[in-house]
Amino acid sequence: MSLRYLPPRLAGCCALFVFATAVLAQTPAVSTTTPATTTSSTAPALPGQLQDFGAYVDSARKTFDVPGIAVAIVKDGKVVMEQGFGLREIGKPDPVDAHTLFAIASNTKAFTAASLQQLAEQGKLKMDDRVIDHLPWFRMSEPYVTHEMRIRDLLAHRSGLSLGAGDLLYWPPTSYTTKEVVERLRNVPIKNSFRSNYAYDNILFAVATLVIEQASGQSYADYVREHIFQPVGMDESLIDKTYLKPGMDVAIGHAKANFKDLEPVPPMAWLNDPGAGGIYASVHDLAKWMNVQLDGGVLPTIGADGKPVRLFSADSQQQMWSMLTPITIGKPPIPELAPLVPHFYGYGESWFLSDYRGQRLVWHTGGWPGMVSRVTLVPELHLGVVVLTNQESGAAFNAVTYRVLDAYLNPDKKTAASLTDWVAVYDKAVKLGEAKADDSLAKHEAARDKNSRPSLPLAQYAGTYRDPWYGDVIISHENGKLRLRFSKTAQLVGTMTPWQHDTFTVRWDDRALNADAFVNFSMDVDGHIREVRMQPMSPLTDFSFDFQDLRLAPLKPAAEEE
């Protein structure tokens, strides 16, 4: 998932300013759209500032090379619009519409939080229960954290783990089960003090998945379908790719192979951490989800007692929307982004919390192979907007989101022309991020000793290397070249090339990963390989490729592997 400059892949939202690659557009500028639909003839009309909205979305698609975008806007309990723009897949005529399914990735986390809150209301758990009260075998790498980890902590990114820690256990897809992923947490290093600061993770949502299953007696998929999708009326939504059927209205993700060439990405099933990012949904369904959220958990259903039915209580929503983890507010990379800098910023239970133009925002983003998205709520205005895309461009969904927010939060601006052109602003920011990435690679190249040679014959680097939390990485000597394979990750297979001294580069066969890495061998005093360390080559590589956390040691001297 090669999002650029603070990428929002699976992790979705490590920072407020999320940028992605901007390249010359190859997507047609003329939109292929479906008519905007509403749920009621009394639905509010679009503000006048959004009368050119279709053209604006097409501008974002063209600038950031996004084949298809779907948008829904809700206001005061009504769907103002739900519409598709562009194509489900490049080279094919099928248009995106309001019912097109996209992977919503980390926007799934809010469904996980809601599930836990429902179970708390049912008396099956308490949010401040220790995790070991429900999963006695659960272990973190530090006993104190194991003992004190509460269910609420699983949703708040304050565990002491580093950014994206353990993501390689399930990203790209691995053959580990969810329980095996969680069992391996005991060896994932803790880098910070418990509850001391924010660091986005996905792995603790695998723990939350198992807590939901233990407390409910159902699989995560069955629980969410029965207790959230069905009551809300999300009839189109699916838990993961395995439920997709031929002929369905579903978008195909697209990524930039080698950071430049747009190509389709095969759909992915994430079976070993579904609570972090597995759901596929349409803007039609997510409009219903946003309205329930904005109505404090109230469903559009009247019970037998004549009272509205609730998905969850107002108290549960208050907990989900209360800040648990403050997040440091950084400086924008360009002055034009200064208006987006919030006065407060933090994370609740699976929701980001910040402000914009004097209004509180409750929001999240998500990233998946070839798809990224954003859901944004403005509670006091009963306003919500969701943007789903089938390309890895956080710049596109941000530019579209803030256009909608400006139209509602900026009443003094009467025309579209008077609003900020966020497409142009994000385009500038993206290009700056790309230039910095180029500079970083150039510095590595400049520091390289091109006359150096590996200290060992290539065959002696071959062997099986084991990391305490990931497992085995295998290096083989084939036809005069070194090949590297992650034993549990089918996509992480690539060719190693000498870089300098005992450092190599690995270029993955799957060029859409955009995650090539340096591989460095450390020797003991006798010239035997002691340890292997890795790090991404480019700052554009998504942080879920947490190669830097691996501590690979040979199972036996490499020479004995030959």
Protein backbone atom coordinates (compact mmCIF):
# COMPACT_ATOMS: atom_id res chain seq x y z
CA MET A 1 0.00 0.00 0.00
CA SER A 2 2.16 2.74 -1.22
CA LEU A 3 0.57 5.91 0.02
CA ARG A 4 2.81 8.86 0.16
CA TYR A 5 4.08 11.20 2.84
CA LEU A 6 2.29 10.02 5.98
CA PRO A 7 0.46 7.22 4.14
CA PRO A 8 -2.99 6.14 5.31
CA ARG A 9 -3.09 2.49 4.31
CA LEU A 10 -4.39 -0.08 6.73
CA ALA A 11 -3.37 2.17 9.52
CA GLY A 12 -5.39 4.83 7.93
CA CYS A 13 -4.54 7.87 9.91
CA CYS A 14 -1.19 8.35 11.52
CA ALA A 15 -1.51 12.12 11.14
CA LEU A 16 -4.01 14.78 10.22
CA PHE A 17 -2.30 15.65 6.95
CA VAL A 18 -2.39 12.62 4.70
CA PHE A 19 -0.86 12.92 1.28
CA ALA A 20 -0.46 10.59 -1.66
CA THR A 21 1.23 10.42 -4.98
CA ALA A 22 0.28 12.99 -7.55
CA VAL A 23 1.23 12.07 -11.09
CA LEU A 24 0.12 12.96 -14.56
CA ALA A 25 -3.48 11.97 -14.89
CA GLN A 26 -4.35 9.00 -17.03
CA THR A 27 -7.99 8.75 -15.96
CA PRO A 28 -10.46 10.41 -18.33
CA ALA A 29 -11.44 13.89 -17.21
CA VAL A 30 -15.06 13.40 -18.27
CA SER A 31 -16.98 11.80 -15.41
CA THR A 32 -18.93 8.61 -15.69
CA THR A 33 -21.49 9.27 -12.99
CA THR A 34 -24.72 7.94 -11.67
CA PRO A 35 -27.50 10.32 -10.78
CA ALA A 36 -27.40 11.62 -7.23
CA THR A 37 -30.03 9.87 -5.15
CA THR A 38 -31.72 10.72 -1.88
CA THR A 39 -33.82 8.79 0.58
CA SER A 40 -36.57 11.37 0.70
CA SER A 41 -38.08 14.03 -1.47
CA THR A 42 -37.69 16.35 1.51
CA ALA A 43 -33.92 15.86 1.74
CA PRO A 44 -31.99 19.14 1.92
CA ALA A 45 -30.63 20.43 -1.34
CA LEU A 46 -26.91 20.68 -1.98
CA PRO A 47 -25.49 24.07 -1.01
CA GLY A 48 -24.99 26.44 -3.92
CA GLN A 49 -21.24 26.19 -3.45
CA LEU A 50 -21.44 22.52 -4.50
CA GLN A 51 -23.33 23.02 -7.74
CA ASP A 52 -20.08 22.28 -9.60
CA PHE A 53 -19.30 19.33 -7.34
CA GLY A 54 -19.16 16.76 -10.14
CA ALA A 55 -16.59 18.80 -12.02
CA TYR A 56 -14.62 19.29 -8.81
CA VAL A 57 -14.52 15.54 -8.07
CA ASP A 58 -13.40 14.90 -11.64
CA SER A 59 -10.65 17.45 -11.13
CA ALA A 60 -9.48 15.46 -8.11
CA ARG A 61 -9.67 12.20 -10.08
CA LYS A 62 -7.62 13.66 -12.90
CA THR A 63 -5.02 15.36 -10.73
CA PHE A 64 -4.40 12.36 -8.49
CA ASP A 65 -5.03 9.69 -11.14
CA VAL A 66 -7.97 8.04 -9.40
CA PRO A 67 -10.19 5.90 -11.67
CA GLY A 68 -13.28 6.05 -9.47
CA ILE A 69 -14.68 7.92 -6.48
CA ALA A 70 -17.97 7.55 -4.61
CA VAL A 71 -19.34 10.23 -2.27
CA ALA A 72 -22.28 10.44 0.10
CA ILE A 73 -23.36 13.50 2.08
CA VAL A 74 -25.93 13.38 4.89
CA LYS A 75 -27.48 16.38 6.64
CA ASP A 76 -30.11 16.51 9.38
CA GLY A 77 -30.87 12.81 9.06
CA LYS A 78 -31.36 12.90 5.29
CA VAL A 79 -29.16 11.81 2.41
CA VAL A 80 -28.34 14.96 0.46
CA MET A 81 -26.50 13.02 -2.23
CA GLU A 82 -24.91 9.67 -2.91
CA GLN A 83 -23.12 9.42 -6.20
CA GLY A 84 -20.38 7.69 -8.11
CA PHE A 85 -17.80 9.26 -10.39
CA GLY A 86 -15.55 7.51 -12.87
CA LEU A 87 -14.82 3.83 -13.36
CA ARG A 88 -14.64 0.73 -11.21
CA GLU A 89 -11.55 -0.40 -13.12
CA ILE A 90 -9.35 1.25 -15.73
CA GLY A 91 -9.86 -0.07 -19.23
CA LYS A 92 -13.38 -1.28 -18.51
CA PRO A 93 -16.67 0.60 -18.95
CA ASP A 94 -18.42 -0.25 -15.67
CA PRO A 95 -19.10 3.01 -13.78
CA VAL A 96 -18.83 3.64 -10.06
CA ASP A 97 -22.26 4.33 -8.53
CA ALA A 98 -23.69 4.82 -5.05
CA HIS A 99 -23.94 1.05 -4.59
CA THR A 100 -20.39 0.16 -5.67
CA LEU A 101 -18.56 -1.73 -2.94
CA PHE A 102 -15.14 -0.51 -1.82
CA ALA A 103 -12.81 -1.85 0.86
CA ILE A 104 -13.18 0.68 3.68
CA ALA A 105 -10.13 -0.66 5.55
CA SER A 106 -9.53 1.12 8.87
CA ASN A 107 -12.99 2.67 8.80
CA THR A 108 -13.88 -0.85 9.98
CA LYS A 109 -12.42 0.02 13.38
CA ALA A 110 -15.50 2.07 14.34
CA PHE A 111 -17.63 -1.05 13.82
CA THR A 112 -15.31 -2.96 16.15
CA ALA A 113 -15.65 -0.27 18.81
CA ALA A 114 -19.44 -0.26 18.45
CA SER A 115 -19.51 -4.05 18.80
CA LEU A 116 -17.56 -3.91 22.06
CA GLN A 117 -19.79 -1.17 23.42
CA GLN A 118 -22.87 -3.22 22.54
CA LEU A 119 -21.44 -6.22 24.39
CA ALA A 120 -20.74 -3.97 27.38
CA GLU A 121 -24.38 -2.83 27.36
CA GLN A 122 -25.41 -6.50 27.28
CA GLY A 123 -23.33 -7.14 30.40
CA LYS A 124 -20.98 -9.53 28.62
CA LEU A 125 -17.93 -7.39 29.31
CA LYS A 126 -16.86 -4.04 30.69
CA MET A 127 -14.74 -1.66 28.66
CA ASP A 128 -12.32 -1.40 31.60
CA ASP A 129 -12.00 -5.15 32.04
CA ARG A 130 -8.48 -6.46 31.73
CA VAL A 131 -7.94 -8.24 28.43
CA ILE A 132 -6.62 -11.26 30.34
CA ASP A 133 -10.02 -11.51 32.06
CA HIS A 134 -11.40 -12.58 28.68
CA LEU A 135 -8.31 -14.02 26.98
CA PRO A 136 -6.24 -15.51 29.84
CA TRP A 137 -3.45 -16.52 27.45
CA PHE A 138 -2.97 -12.96 26.11
CA ARG A 139 0.56 -11.62 26.55
CA MET A 140 2.42 -8.44 25.63
CA SER A 141 6.22 -8.33 25.73
CA GLU A 142 6.17 -6.59 29.15
CA PRO A 143 4.30 -8.18 32.10
CA TYR A 144 3.01 -4.86 33.43
CA VAL A 145 1.40 -3.99 30.10
CA THR A 146 -0.09 -7.49 29.90
CA HIS A 147 -1.64 -7.12 33.33
CA GLU A 148 -2.94 -3.57 32.86
CA MET A 149 -4.13 -3.70 29.25
CA ARG A 150 -7.87 -2.97 29.29
CA ILE A 151 -10.38 -3.59 26.52
CA ARG A 152 -10.68 0.16 25.98
CA ASP A 153 -6.90 0.36 25.45
CA LEU A 154 -7.21 -1.95 22.44
CA LEU A 155 -9.04 0.83 20.58
CA ALA A 156 -6.90 3.84 21.53
CA HIS A 157 -3.36 3.45 20.05
CA ARG A 158 -1.63 4.08 23.39
CA SER A 159 -0.18 0.64 24.16
CA GLY A 160 3.50 1.55 23.94
CA LEU A 161 3.89 -0.31 20.64
CA SER A 162 5.57 1.64 17.86
CA LEU A 163 3.82 2.87 14.72
CA GLY A 164 2.44 -0.09 12.78
CA ALA A 165 4.14 -2.61 15.06
CA GLY A 166 3.49 -6.19 14.02
CA ASP A 167 1.76 -5.27 10.76
CA LEU A 168 3.91 -7.75 8.82
CA LEU A 169 2.04 -10.53 10.64
CA TYR A 170 -0.96 -9.83 8.41
CA TRP A 171 0.13 -7.26 5.84
CA PRO A 172 0.62 -8.25 3.06
CA PRO A 173 -1.71 -11.21 3.77
CA THR A 174 -0.11 -14.04 5.72
CA SER A 175 -1.07 -17.60 6.56
CA TYR A 176 -1.24 -16.94 10.30
CA THR A 177 -4.60 -17.25 12.03
CA THR A 178 -5.96 -14.39 14.12
CA LYS A 179 -5.06 -16.25 17.30
CA GLU A 180 -1.54 -16.92 16.04
CA VAL A 181 -1.15 -13.22 15.27
CA VAL A 182 -2.22 -12.31 18.80
CA GLU A 183 -0.04 -15.01 20.36
CA ARG A 184 2.97 -13.48 18.62
CA LEU A 185 2.34 -10.14 20.35
CA ARG A 186 4.36 -11.50 23.28
CA ASN A 187 7.48 -10.96 21.17
CA VAL A 188 6.58 -7.67 19.46
CA PRO A 189 8.82 -5.05 21.12
CA ILE A 190 7.28 -2.23 23.15
CA LYS A 191 9.09 0.99 22.33
CA ASN A 192 7.27 3.54 24.53
CA SER A 193 5.70 3.78 27.96
CA PHE A 194 2.23 2.34 28.34
CA ARG A 195 -0.47 5.00 27.71
CA SER A 196 2.21 7.68 27.35
CA ASN A 197 1.74 8.65 23.71
CA TYR A 198 -0.04 7.94 20.44
CA ALA A 199 1.26 5.38 17.94
CA TYR A 200 -1.17 3.90 15.42
CA ASP A 201 -1.44 0.12 15.41
CA ASN A 202 -3.60 -2.57 13.83
CA ILE A 203 -2.54 -5.60 15.80
CA LEU A 204 -4.52 -4.77 18.96
CA PHE A 205 -7.68 -4.81 16.86
CA ALA A 206 -6.93 -8.48 16.25
CA VAL A 207 -7.09 -8.82 20.03
CA ALA A 208 -10.38 -6.89 20.02
CA THR A 209 -11.68 -9.27 17.35
CA LEU A 210 -11.02 -12.25 19.62
CA VAL A 211 -12.59 -10.49 22.62
CA ILE A 212 -15.76 -9.92 20.59
CA GLU A 213 -15.82 -13.57 19.55
CA GLN A 214 -15.20 -14.81 23.10
CA ALA A 215 -17.83 -12.57 24.67
CA SER A 216 -20.50 -13.04 22.02
CA GLY A 217 -20.00 -16.69 21.12
CA GLN A 218 -20.10 -15.70 17.44
CA SER A 219 -17.48 -15.12 14.79
CA TYR A 220 -16.60 -11.48 14.24
CA ALA A 221 -18.28 -11.60 10.82
CA ASP A 222 -21.51 -13.07 12.15
CA TYR A 223 -21.65 -10.65 15.05
CA VAL A 224 -21.20 -7.54 12.92
CA ARG A 225 -23.70 -8.74 10.33
CA GLU A 226 -26.37 -9.56 12.92
CA HIS A 227 -25.88 -6.72 15.38
CA ILE A 228 -24.82 -3.83 13.15
CA PHE A 229 -25.37 -4.38 9.42
CA GLN A 230 -28.88 -5.77 9.75
CA PRO A 231 -30.27 -3.23 12.27
CA VAL A 232 -28.75 -0.29 10.36
CA GLY A 233 -29.98 -1.62 7.02
CA MET A 234 -26.53 -2.02 5.53
CA ASP A 235 -27.73 -4.75 3.20
CA GLU A 236 -24.93 -4.29 0.65
CA SER A 237 -22.00 -4.46 3.09
CA LEU A 238 -19.70 -7.46 3.44
CA ILE A 239 -17.13 -8.40 6.05
CA ASP A 240 -14.32 -9.23 3.65
CA LYS A 241 -13.40 -10.12 0.09
CA THR A 242 -14.32 -13.79 0.51
CA TYR A 243 -18.00 -12.79 0.36
CA LEU A 244 -17.66 -11.07 -3.01
CA LYS A 245 -19.44 -12.88 -5.86
CA PRO A 246 -18.89 -12.64 -9.62
CA GLY A 247 -20.92 -9.87 -11.17
CA MET A 248 -21.17 -7.78 -8.00
CA ASP A 249 -20.95 -4.00 -8.22
CA VAL A 250 -17.46 -3.77 -6.72
CA ALA A 251 -14.54 -1.44 -7.35
CA ILE A 252 -11.11 -2.78 -8.21
CA GLY A 253 -8.21 -1.14 -6.40
CA HIS A 254 -5.34 0.50 -8.27
CA ALA A 255 -1.76 1.17 -7.22
CA LYS A 256 1.30 2.81 -8.71
CA ALA A 257 3.77 0.06 -9.54
CA ASN A 258 7.27 1.41 -8.96
CA PHE A 259 5.57 4.57 -7.66
CA LYS A 260 4.59 5.59 -11.20
CA ASP A 261 2.55 3.17 -13.33
CA LEU A 262 -1.14 2.79 -12.45
CA GLU A 263 -2.34 -0.80 -12.50
CA PRO A 264 -5.19 -2.86 -10.98
CA VAL A 265 -4.58 -4.59 -7.66
CA PRO A 266 -6.27 -7.96 -6.95
CA PRO A 267 -8.90 -7.88 -4.17
CA MET A 268 -7.56 -8.99 -0.81
CA ALA A 269 -9.15 -10.92 2.04
CA TRP A 270 -7.88 -10.02 5.49
CA LEU A 271 -8.91 -13.00 7.55
CA ASN A 272 -6.48 -12.77 10.48
CA ASP A 273 -7.30 -9.23 11.67
CA PRO A 274 -10.81 -8.45 10.39
CA GLY A 275 -11.61 -6.03 13.21
CA ALA A 276 -8.89 -3.67 12.01
CA GLY A 277 -9.93 -3.30 8.39
CA GLY A 278 -11.91 -6.03 6.68
CA ILE A 279 -15.24 -4.46 5.65
CA TYR A 280 -16.43 -3.77 2.09
CA ALA A 281 -19.24 -1.20 1.86
CA SER A 282 -20.90 1.30 -0.46
CA VAL A 283 -21.56 4.98 0.16
CA HIS A 284 -25.26 4.08 0.11
CA ASP A 285 -24.77 1.89 3.18
CA LEU A 286 -22.28 4.20 4.86
CA ALA A 287 -24.75 7.08 4.59
CA LYS A 288 -27.03 5.02 6.86
CA TRP A 289 -24.13 4.34 9.23
CA MET A 290 -23.29 8.06 9.41
CA ASN A 291 -26.90 8.98 10.17
CA VAL A 292 -27.04 6.49 13.04
CA GLN A 293 -23.81 7.92 14.41
CA LEU A 294 -25.04 11.50 14.07
CA ASP A 295 -28.31 10.56 15.79
CA GLY A 296 -26.50 9.24 18.86
CA GLY A 297 -27.03 5.57 18.09
CA VAL A 298 -30.74 5.83 17.30
CA LEU A 299 -31.97 3.63 14.46
CA PRO A 300 -34.72 4.64 12.03
CA THR A 301 -36.92 1.96 13.59
CA ILE A 302 -39.75 2.13 16.12
CA GLY A 303 -39.91 -0.64 18.68
CA ALA A 304 -42.97 -2.41 20.08
CA ASP A 305 -43.04 0.13 22.91
CA GLY A 306 -43.43 2.96 20.41
CA LYS A 307 -39.94 4.26 21.10
CA PRO A 308 -37.02 4.47 18.64
CA VAL A 309 -34.72 1.46 18.65
CA ARG A 310 -31.07 2.07 19.48
CA LEU A 311 -27.97 0.47 18.00
CA PHE A 312 -26.05 1.60 21.06
CA SER A 313 -26.72 3.99 23.93
CA ALA A 314 -25.93 7.68 24.03
CA ASP A 315 -23.45 6.92 26.82
CA SER A 316 -21.66 4.39 24.60
CA GLN A 317 -21.36 6.95 21.86
CA GLN A 318 -20.04 9.51 24.31
CA GLN A 319 -17.33 7.03 25.27
CA MET A 320 -16.43 6.31 21.64
CA TRP A 321 -16.19 10.02 20.90
CA SER A 322 -14.23 11.01 24.02
CA MET A 323 -10.52 11.62 23.65
CA LEU A 324 -8.35 8.91 25.14
CA THR A 325 -5.05 9.65 23.44
CA PRO A 326 -3.87 13.19 22.61
CA ILE A 327 -1.92 13.52 19.36
CA THR A 328 0.82 16.05 18.79
CA ILE A 329 -0.20 18.70 16.28
CA GLY A 330 2.50 19.16 13.66
CA LYS A 331 3.26 21.91 11.23
CA PRO A 332 1.82 21.68 7.71
CA PRO A 333 4.36 21.01 4.96
CA ILE A 334 3.13 24.02 2.96
CA PRO A 335 1.52 27.29 4.16
CA GLU A 336 -1.64 26.67 2.14
CA LEU A 337 -2.52 23.78 4.47
CA ALA A 338 -2.41 25.97 7.58
CA PRO A 339 -6.23 26.38 7.70
CA LEU A 340 -6.51 22.64 8.33
CA VAL A 341 -4.31 22.70 11.44
CA PRO A 342 -6.64 21.91 14.36
CA HIS A 343 -6.78 23.44 17.80
CA PHE A 344 -7.16 19.99 19.34
CA TYR A 345 -6.36 16.56 17.99
CA GLY A 346 -6.65 13.12 19.48
CA TYR A 347 -8.09 9.64 19.29
CA GLY A 348 -11.10 8.13 21.04
CA GLU A 349 -12.39 4.61 20.62
CA SER A 350 -11.66 4.03 16.93
CA TRP A 351 -12.37 7.65 15.94
CA PHE A 352 -10.09 10.63 15.37
CA LEU A 353 -11.22 13.83 17.07
CA SER A 354 -10.24 17.31 15.92
CA ASP A 355 -11.80 20.58 14.82
CA TYR A 356 -12.18 22.65 11.67
CA ARG A 357 -13.60 26.15 11.29
CA GLY A 358 -14.94 26.14 14.82
CA GLN A 359 -16.68 22.77 14.55
CA ARG A 360 -15.77 19.45 16.15
CA LEU A 361 -14.91 16.71 13.68
CA VAL A 362 -15.23 12.98 14.34
CA TRP A 363 -13.54 11.10 11.53
CA HIS A 364 -11.38 8.26 10.30
CA THR A 365 -9.58 7.19 7.17
CA GLY A 366 -8.76 3.79 5.77
CA GLY A 367 -6.29 2.28 3.33
CA TRP A 368 -6.22 -1.04 1.48
CA PRO A 369 -4.45 -2.43 -1.56
CA GLY A 370 -5.45 0.14 -4.16
CA MET A 371 -8.23 1.78 -2.12
CA VAL A 372 -8.35 4.57 0.46
CA SER A 373 -11.29 6.33 2.08
CA ARG A 374 -12.45 8.87 4.64
CA VAL A 375 -15.56 9.17 6.83
CA THR A 376 -16.09 12.59 8.47
CA LEU A 377 -18.83 13.63 10.89
CA VAL A 378 -19.66 17.15 12.09
CA PRO A 379 -21.94 16.29 15.03
CA GLU A 380 -23.23 19.74 15.92
CA LEU A 381 -24.34 20.33 12.32
CA HIS A 382 -25.70 16.77 11.89
CA LEU A 383 -23.46 16.62 8.81
CA GLY A 384 -21.53 13.66 7.46
CA VAL A 385 -19.49 12.98 4.34
CA VAL A 386 -17.88 9.75 3.15
CA VAL A 387 -15.44 9.52 0.24
CA LEU A 388 -14.39 6.12 -1.15
CA THR A 389 -11.71 5.81 -3.82
CA ASN A 390 -10.09 3.02 -5.83
CA GLN A 391 -6.56 4.41 -5.90
CA GLU A 392 -4.08 5.01 -3.10
CA SER A 393 -4.49 8.78 -2.95
CA GLY A 394 -5.23 10.31 0.40
CA ALA A 395 -4.89 13.68 -1.28
CA ALA A 396 -7.98 12.93 -3.38
CA PHE A 397 -10.28 12.00 -0.50
CA ASN A 398 -9.05 14.92 1.60
CA ALA A 399 -9.55 17.43 -1.22
CA VAL A 400 -13.11 16.21 -1.79
CA THR A 401 -13.94 16.06 1.93
CA TYR A 402 -12.79 19.59 2.67
CA ARG A 403 -14.66 20.94 -0.33
CA VAL A 404 -17.87 19.61 1.21
CA LEU A 405 -16.98 20.86 4.69
CA ASP A 406 -16.19 24.33 3.35
CA ALA A 407 -19.57 24.52 1.63
CA TYR A 408 -21.38 23.89 4.92
CA LEU A 409 -18.99 25.52 7.40
CA ASN A 410 -18.22 28.64 5.36
CA PRO A 411 -21.61 30.34 4.85
CA ASP A 412 -19.99 33.66 3.94
CA LYS A 413 -18.55 32.04 0.82
CA LYS A 414 -21.55 32.05 -1.51
CA THR A 415 -20.05 30.56 -4.67
CA ALA A 416 -17.87 27.61 -5.59
CA ALA A 417 -15.26 29.99 -6.97
CA SER A 418 -14.89 31.59 -3.53
CA LEU A 419 -13.94 28.30 -1.86
CA THR A 420 -10.39 27.01 -1.48
CA ASP A 421 -9.28 24.74 -4.29
CA TRP A 422 -8.03 21.90 -2.12
CA VAL A 423 -7.13 19.85 -5.19
CA ALA A 424 -4.50 22.43 -6.10
CA VAL A 425 -3.30 22.71 -2.50
CA TYR A 426 -2.89 18.97 -2.01
CA ASP A 427 -1.28 18.64 -5.43
CA LYS A 428 1.41 21.07 -4.31
CA ALA A 429 1.90 19.22 -1.02
CA VAL A 430 2.14 15.84 -2.72
CA LYS A 431 4.76 17.05 -5.16
CA LEU A 432 6.79 18.44 -2.28
CA GLY A 433 6.62 15.07 -0.53
CA GLU A 434 7.76 13.29 -3.67
CA ALA A 435 10.67 15.68 -4.08
CA LYS A 436 11.79 15.03 -0.50
CA ALA A 437 11.58 11.29 -1.12
CA ASP A 438 13.73 11.69 -4.21
CA ASP A 439 16.25 13.65 -2.14
CA SER A 440 16.36 10.88 0.45
CA LEU A 441 17.12 8.24 -2.16
CA ALA A 442 19.72 10.51 -3.75
CA LYS A 443 21.48 10.86 -0.39
CA HIS A 444 21.66 7.09 -0.02
CA GLU A 445 23.09 6.84 -3.52
CA ALA A 446 25.66 9.56 -2.82
CA ALA A 447 26.83 7.81 0.35
CA ARG A 448 27.16 4.46 -1.38
CA ASP A 449 30.63 2.97 -1.92
CA LYS A 450 30.15 1.59 -5.41
CA ASN A 451 33.56 -0.11 -5.38
CA SER A 452 32.85 -2.20 -2.31
CA ARG A 453 32.03 -5.89 -2.43
CA PRO A 454 30.24 -8.28 -0.05
CA SER A 455 32.61 -9.81 2.46
CA LEU A 456 31.30 -13.34 1.80
CA PRO A 457 30.54 -15.32 -1.35
CA LEU A 458 26.85 -14.88 -2.19
CA ALA A 459 26.05 -18.50 -1.37
CA GLN A 460 27.15 -17.99 2.23
CA TYR A 461 24.40 -15.42 2.84
CA ALA A 462 21.79 -18.07 2.07
CA GLY A 463 19.98 -19.60 5.00
CA THR A 464 16.93 -19.42 7.22
CA TYR A 465 16.73 -16.42 9.53
CA ARG A 466 14.23 -16.17 12.37
CA ASP A 467 12.64 -13.11 13.94
CA PRO A 468 11.06 -13.56 17.40
CA TRP A 469 7.66 -12.15 16.38
CA TYR A 470 7.38 -12.62 12.61
CA GLY A 471 9.01 -16.02 12.22
CA ASP A 472 11.21 -17.23 9.39
CA VAL A 473 12.67 -15.37 6.43
CA ILE A 474 14.46 -17.57 3.92
CA ILE A 475 17.33 -16.48 1.68
CA SER A 476 18.25 -18.89 -1.11
CA HIS A 477 21.04 -18.89 -3.68
CA GLU A 478 19.44 -19.50 -7.07
CA ASN A 479 21.14 -19.21 -10.46
CA GLY A 480 23.85 -16.98 -9.09
CA LYS A 481 21.42 -14.62 -7.32
CA LEU A 482 20.02 -14.32 -3.82
CA ARG A 483 16.26 -14.65 -3.41
CA LEU A 484 14.48 -13.56 -0.20
CA ARG A 485 11.14 -15.02 0.93
CA PHE A 486 9.01 -14.26 3.97
CA SER A 487 7.83 -17.74 4.94
CA LYS A 488 4.25 -16.73 5.86
CA THR A 489 3.74 -13.97 3.27
CA ALA A 490 3.28 -15.11 -0.32
CA GLN A 491 3.73 -11.62 -1.80
CA LEU A 492 7.03 -10.88 -0.07
CA VAL A 493 9.36 -12.63 -2.49
CA GLY A 494 12.15 -10.73 -4.20
CA THR A 495 15.67 -10.62 -5.59
CA MET A 496 18.59 -9.30 -3.55
CA THR A 497 21.32 -7.23 -5.14
CA PRO A 498 24.58 -6.08 -3.49
CA TRP A 499 24.43 -2.41 -2.50
CA GLN A 500 27.64 -1.85 -0.56
CA HIS A 501 29.74 -3.96 1.81
CA ASP A 502 27.31 -6.39 3.52
CA THR A 503 24.20 -4.41 2.68
CA PHE A 504 21.90 -5.57 -0.13
CA THR A 505 18.69 -4.28 -1.63
CA VAL A 506 15.66 -6.49 -2.11
CA ARG A 507 13.28 -5.68 -4.95
CA TRP A 508 9.96 -7.48 -4.55
CA ASP A 509 8.56 -9.37 -7.52
CA ASP A 510 5.22 -7.63 -6.90
CA ARG A 511 6.12 -4.12 -8.01
CA ALA A 512 2.83 -2.66 -6.76
CA LEU A 513 3.99 -3.15 -3.17
CA ASN A 514 6.37 -0.17 -3.42
CA ALA A 515 8.26 -1.54 -0.45
CA ASP A 516 11.77 -2.36 -1.64
CA ALA A 517 14.15 -2.56 1.30
CA PHE A 518 17.76 -2.51 2.40
CA VAL A 519 18.99 -5.78 3.93
CA ASN A 520 22.04 -5.44 6.17
CA PHE A 521 24.09 -8.37 7.48
CA SER A 522 26.08 -7.95 10.69
CA MET A 523 29.09 -10.22 11.29
CA ASP A 524 30.66 -11.55 14.45
CA VAL A 525 34.41 -11.34 15.05
CA ASP A 526 34.93 -14.61 13.15
CA GLY A 527 33.13 -13.40 10.04
CA HIS A 528 29.93 -15.36 10.63
CA ILE A 529 26.54 -13.75 10.15
CA ARG A 530 25.19 -12.69 13.53
CA GLU A 531 22.06 -10.73 12.61
CA VAL A 532 20.11 -9.35 9.65
CA ARG A 533 18.31 -6.01 9.80
CA MET A 534 16.02 -4.45 7.20
CA GLN A 535 14.60 -1.01 6.48
CA PRO A 536 12.50 0.45 3.64
CA MET A 537 14.50 2.13 0.92
CA SER A 538 12.03 4.93 0.28
CA PRO A 539 10.23 7.22 2.75
CA LEU A 540 7.21 6.77 0.47
CA THR A 541 6.85 3.14 1.59
CA ASP A 542 3.85 2.56 3.79
CA PHE A 543 4.64 2.20 7.49
CA SER A 544 2.80 -1.12 7.67
CA PHE A 545 5.92 -2.62 6.11
CA ASP A 546 7.62 -2.51 9.52
CA PHE A 547 10.84 -4.18 8.34
CA GLN A 548 12.83 -2.03 10.77
CA ASP A 549 11.38 -3.94 13.74
CA LEU A 550 12.71 -7.30 12.55
CA ARG A 551 15.68 -8.84 14.37
CA LEU A 552 16.59 -11.76 12.12
CA ALA A 553 19.14 -14.28 13.39
CA PRO A 554 20.41 -17.30 11.46
CA LEU A 555 19.04 -20.61 12.67
CA LYS A 556 22.49 -22.07 12.01
CA PRO A 557 25.58 -20.86 10.19
CA ALA A 558 24.66 -19.98 6.65
CA ALA A 559 27.39 -22.23 5.25
CA GLU A 560 25.60 -25.26 6.74
CA GLU A 561 22.47 -24.40 4.77
CA GLU A 562 24.22 -25.04 1.44
